[in-house]
Amino acid sequence: MAGSGQIDMNYLIGVSGGHMNVNGVAGRGTKSSFLMLRFILMLLEAERQAKKPGHPNRMQVVSHNIKCQRL
């Protein structure tokens, strides 16, 4: 362990944060395909914003998968 950390919940789930839940029929691959496309689009936007130094509202992408290790 590197040490303790803090998470600002107002930033994570407040006016500066967002979340998305995806559900549907298991085994069709549509949820995974949708999420992979979403990740690509979010990462491209984060990369575009990173090229603007000092931008106060730059996007940061955080992803959690609690179901399995495959995604």
Protein backbone atom coordinates (compact mmCIF):
# COMPACT_ATOMS: atom_id res chain seq x y z
CA MET A 1 0.00 0.00 0.00
CA ALA A 2 1.15 3.51 -0.77
CA GLY A 3 -0.83 5.13 2.03
CA SER A 4 -4.25 6.47 2.73
CA GLY A 5 -6.33 8.30 0.17
CA GLN A 6 -9.32 10.57 0.17
CA ILE A 7 -12.28 10.71 -2.17
CA ASP A 8 -14.27 13.91 -2.43
CA MET A 9 -17.81 12.53 -2.68
CA ASN A 10 -19.17 15.91 -3.80
CA TYR A 11 -16.87 15.72 -6.80
CA LEU A 12 -17.49 12.03 -7.44
CA ILE A 13 -21.29 12.03 -7.26
CA GLY A 14 -22.12 15.73 -7.03
CA VAL A 15 -22.61 18.43 -9.62
CA SER A 16 -19.15 17.77 -11.08
CA GLY A 17 -19.61 14.02 -11.48
CA GLY A 18 -21.76 11.62 -13.41
CA HIS A 19 -22.51 7.94 -13.65
CA MET A 20 -24.10 5.47 -16.02
CA ASN A 21 -25.65 2.07 -15.33
CA VAL A 22 -26.11 -0.43 -18.16
CA ASN A 23 -28.39 -3.46 -17.96
CA GLY A 24 -29.97 -5.89 -20.36
CA VAL A 25 -30.18 -9.53 -21.43
CA ALA A 26 -27.11 -11.60 -20.53
CA GLY A 27 -24.99 -13.30 -23.18
CA ARG A 28 -25.71 -11.11 -26.19
CA GLY A 29 -22.64 -8.86 -26.01
CA THR A 30 -24.66 -5.70 -26.52
CA LYS A 31 -23.88 -4.23 -23.08
CA SER A 32 -20.16 -4.85 -23.51
CA SER A 33 -20.18 -3.43 -27.04
CA PHE A 34 -22.06 -0.34 -25.89
CA LEU A 35 -19.70 0.20 -22.95
CA MET A 36 -16.58 -0.22 -25.08
CA LEU A 37 -17.89 2.37 -27.54
CA ARG A 38 -18.73 4.72 -24.64
CA PHE A 39 -15.25 4.27 -23.16
CA ILE A 40 -13.60 5.04 -26.49
CA LEU A 41 -15.69 8.19 -26.95
CA MET A 42 -15.05 9.37 -23.38
CA LEU A 43 -11.31 8.73 -23.64
CA LEU A 44 -11.13 10.59 -26.97
CA GLU A 45 -12.91 13.57 -25.41
CA ALA A 46 -10.64 13.46 -22.34
CA GLU A 47 -7.60 13.38 -24.65
CA ARG A 48 -8.97 16.36 -26.63
CA GLN A 49 -9.55 18.33 -23.44
CA ALA A 50 -6.08 17.45 -22.11
CA LYS A 51 -4.59 19.39 -25.02
CA LYS A 52 -6.07 22.58 -23.53
CA PRO A 53 -3.74 23.36 -20.60
CA GLY A 54 -5.36 25.05 -17.65
CA HIS A 55 -8.91 24.10 -18.64
CA PRO A 56 -10.70 24.08 -15.25
CA ASN A 57 -13.33 21.48 -16.13
CA ARG A 58 -11.28 18.83 -17.92
CA MET A 59 -12.94 15.43 -18.13
CA GLN A 60 -11.48 12.54 -16.14
CA VAL A 61 -12.63 8.98 -16.87
CA VAL A 62 -13.01 6.46 -14.02
CA SER A 63 -14.48 3.02 -14.65
CA HIS A 64 -15.46 0.26 -12.23
CA ASN A 65 -16.47 -3.26 -13.22
CA ILE A 66 -17.79 -5.30 -10.31
CA LYS A 67 -19.22 -8.26 -12.21
CA CYS A 68 -16.27 -10.05 -13.80
CA GLN A 69 -12.67 -9.70 -14.97
CA ARG A 70 -13.38 -9.92 -18.72
CA LEU A 71 -14.49 -6.35 -19.41
